[in-house]
Amino acid sequence: MDINITTDQVIVWLVIGAFAGFIVGLIFKGKKKGFGFSTNLIIGLIGAVIGGFIFDLFNIRSGMGQLILSFDDLIAAIAGSFILLIILAIVRR
């Protein structure tokens, strides 16, 4: 399996991850900044991976391999971020 990741793709993933982390942070924390930029970005990026895996598992179209800021990718990243934070909340209890 040959994987070629371009700088443009990384930038798109960072933008989607930061935005998804920001949205989820606002919902979970209820503050203007959520968890803070760095944590929002990390949550969003990990969430994008989780959400992308789940979307692929259920054959839901996602453009994470393309250079597009798509609504599907954002929804996948937000869903994955929610799942990540729910799992972390359960583990912390």
C-alpha atoms as a PDB file:
ATOM      1  CA  MET A   1       0.000   0.000   0.000  1.00  0.00           C
ATOM      2  CA  ASP A   2       1.576   3.242  -1.181  1.00  0.00           C
ATOM      3  CA  ILE A   3       0.527   6.313   0.775  1.00  0.00           C
ATOM      4  CA  ASN A   4       1.513   9.740  -0.513  1.00  0.00           C
ATOM      5  CA  ILE A   5       0.470  12.584   1.741  1.00  0.00           C
ATOM      6  CA  THR A   6       0.991  16.091   0.456  1.00  0.00           C
ATOM      7  CA  THR A   7       1.471  19.278   2.444  1.00  0.00           C
ATOM      8  CA  ASP A   8      -1.883  20.492   1.141  1.00  0.00           C
ATOM      9  CA  GLN A   9      -3.637  17.441   2.562  1.00  0.00           C
ATOM     10  CA  VAL A  10      -2.008  17.947   5.949  1.00  0.00           C
ATOM     11  CA  ILE A  11      -3.161  21.578   5.965  1.00  0.00           C
ATOM     12  CA  VAL A  12      -6.724  20.523   5.115  1.00  0.00           C
ATOM     13  CA  TRP A  13      -6.664  17.910   7.905  1.00  0.00           C
ATOM     14  CA  LEU A  14      -5.361  20.495  10.378  1.00  0.00           C
ATOM     15  CA  VAL A  15      -8.126  22.942   9.458  1.00  0.00           C
ATOM     16  CA  ILE A  16     -10.830  20.275   9.716  1.00  0.00           C
ATOM     17  CA  GLY A  17      -9.357  18.927  12.968  1.00  0.00           C
ATOM     18  CA  ALA A  18      -9.074  22.381  14.550  1.00  0.00           C
ATOM     19  CA  PHE A  19     -12.619  23.313  13.580  1.00  0.00           C
ATOM     20  CA  ALA A  20     -14.082  19.989  14.737  1.00  0.00           C
ATOM     21  CA  GLY A  21     -12.169  20.180  18.021  1.00  0.00           C
ATOM     22  CA  PHE A  22     -13.369  23.756  18.517  1.00  0.00           C
ATOM     23  CA  ILE A  23     -17.020  22.793  17.967  1.00  0.00           C
ATOM     24  CA  VAL A  24     -16.826  19.772  20.272  1.00  0.00           C
ATOM     25  CA  GLY A  25     -14.911  21.802  22.855  1.00  0.00           C
ATOM     26  CA  LEU A  26     -17.655  24.434  22.866  1.00  0.00           C
ATOM     27  CA  ILE A  27     -20.306  21.783  23.382  1.00  0.00           C
ATOM     28  CA  PHE A  28     -18.433  19.925  26.116  1.00  0.00           C
ATOM     29  CA  LYS A  29     -16.915  22.892  27.947  1.00  0.00           C
ATOM     30  CA  GLY A  30     -19.440  25.628  27.148  1.00  0.00           C
ATOM     31  CA  LYS A  31     -16.769  28.344  27.001  1.00  0.00           C
ATOM     32  CA  LYS A  32     -15.745  30.572  24.145  1.00  0.00           C
ATOM     33  CA  LYS A  33     -12.531  28.653  23.452  1.00  0.00           C
ATOM     34  CA  GLY A  34     -13.505  25.125  24.399  1.00  0.00           C
ATOM     35  CA  PHE A  35     -10.383  23.306  25.604  1.00  0.00           C
ATOM     36  CA  GLY A  36      -7.911  25.763  24.086  1.00  0.00           C
ATOM     37  CA  PHE A  37      -6.405  25.766  20.607  1.00  0.00           C
ATOM     38  CA  SER A  38      -3.827  22.989  21.051  1.00  0.00           C
ATOM     39  CA  THR A  39      -6.178  20.588  22.806  1.00  0.00           C
ATOM     40  CA  ASN A  40      -9.005  21.365  20.365  1.00  0.00           C
ATOM     41  CA  LEU A  41      -6.642  20.594  17.487  1.00  0.00           C
ATOM     42  CA  ILE A  42      -5.477  17.299  19.007  1.00  0.00           C
ATOM     43  CA  ILE A  43      -9.040  16.239  19.843  1.00  0.00           C
ATOM     44  CA  GLY A  44     -10.190  17.187  16.349  1.00  0.00           C
ATOM     45  CA  LEU A  45      -7.369  15.336  14.592  1.00  0.00           C
ATOM     46  CA  ILE A  46      -7.819  12.167  16.623  1.00  0.00           C
ATOM     47  CA  GLY A  47     -11.567  12.531  16.187  1.00  0.00           C
ATOM     48  CA  ALA A  48     -11.114  12.876  12.416  1.00  0.00           C
ATOM     49  CA  VAL A  49      -9.223   9.577  12.332  1.00  0.00           C
ATOM     50  CA  ILE A  50     -11.878   7.840  14.460  1.00  0.00           C
ATOM     51  CA  GLY A  51     -14.733   9.391  12.484  1.00  0.00           C
ATOM     52  CA  GLY A  52     -13.084   8.586   9.149  1.00  0.00           C
ATOM     53  CA  PHE A  53     -12.654   4.960  10.210  1.00  0.00           C
ATOM     54  CA  ILE A  54     -16.305   4.737  11.303  1.00  0.00           C
ATOM     55  CA  PHE A  55     -17.528   6.425   8.111  1.00  0.00           C
ATOM     56  CA  ASP A  56     -15.463   3.971   6.029  1.00  0.00           C
ATOM     57  CA  LEU A  57     -16.778   1.055   8.081  1.00  0.00           C
ATOM     58  CA  PHE A  58     -20.362   2.027   7.228  1.00  0.00           C
ATOM     59  CA  ASN A  59     -19.496   3.052   3.628  1.00  0.00           C
ATOM     60  CA  ILE A  60     -20.350   6.698   4.205  1.00  0.00           C
ATOM     61  CA  ARG A  61     -18.566   8.853   1.649  1.00  0.00           C
ATOM     62  CA  SER A  62     -15.688  10.900   3.003  1.00  0.00           C
ATOM     63  CA  GLY A  63     -13.129  12.963   1.091  1.00  0.00           C
ATOM     64  CA  MET A  64     -10.240  12.843   3.600  1.00  0.00           C
ATOM     65  CA  GLY A  65      -7.898  11.692   0.835  1.00  0.00           C
ATOM     66  CA  GLN A  66      -8.764  14.722  -1.273  1.00  0.00           C
ATOM     67  CA  LEU A  67      -7.945  18.404  -0.991  1.00  0.00           C
ATOM     68  CA  ILE A  68     -11.489  19.433  -0.177  1.00  0.00           C
ATOM     69  CA  LEU A  69     -12.957  20.914   2.983  1.00  0.00           C
ATOM     70  CA  SER A  70     -16.125  18.862   2.776  1.00  0.00           C
ATOM     71  CA  PHE A  71     -19.094  18.798   5.101  1.00  0.00           C
ATOM     72  CA  ASP A  72     -18.796  14.984   5.298  1.00  0.00           C
ATOM     73  CA  ASP A  73     -15.247  15.249   6.625  1.00  0.00           C
ATOM     74  CA  LEU A  74     -16.258  17.832   9.202  1.00  0.00           C
ATOM     75  CA  ILE A  75     -19.169  15.673  10.399  1.00  0.00           C
ATOM     76  CA  ALA A  76     -16.867  12.632  10.584  1.00  0.00           C
ATOM     77  CA  ALA A  77     -14.308  14.605  12.602  1.00  0.00           C
ATOM     78  CA  ILE A  78     -16.968  15.979  14.960  1.00  0.00           C
ATOM     79  CA  ALA A  79     -18.527  12.532  15.458  1.00  0.00           C
ATOM     80  CA  GLY A  80     -15.124  10.984  16.094  1.00  0.00           C
ATOM     81  CA  SER A  81     -14.235  13.775  18.534  1.00  0.00           C
ATOM     82  CA  PHE A  82     -17.452  13.159  20.462  1.00  0.00           C
ATOM     83  CA  ILE A  83     -16.691   9.458  20.630  1.00  0.00           C
ATOM     84  CA  LEU A  84     -13.152  10.195  21.828  1.00  0.00           C
ATOM     85  CA  LEU A  85     -14.329  12.534  24.592  1.00  0.00           C
ATOM     86  CA  ILE A  86     -17.063  10.126  25.700  1.00  0.00           C
ATOM     87  CA  ILE A  87     -14.526   7.299  25.929  1.00  0.00           C
ATOM     88  CA  LEU A  88     -12.139   9.549  27.889  1.00  0.00           C
ATOM     89  CA  ALA A  89     -14.952  10.561  30.266  1.00  0.00           C
ATOM     90  CA  ILE A  90     -15.839   6.908  30.892  1.00  0.00           C
ATOM     91  CA  VAL A  91     -12.207   5.934  31.459  1.00  0.00           C
ATOM     92  CA  ARG A  92     -11.653   8.815  33.911  1.00  0.00           C
ATOM     93  CA  ARG A  93     -14.558   7.674  36.097  1.00  0.00           C
END
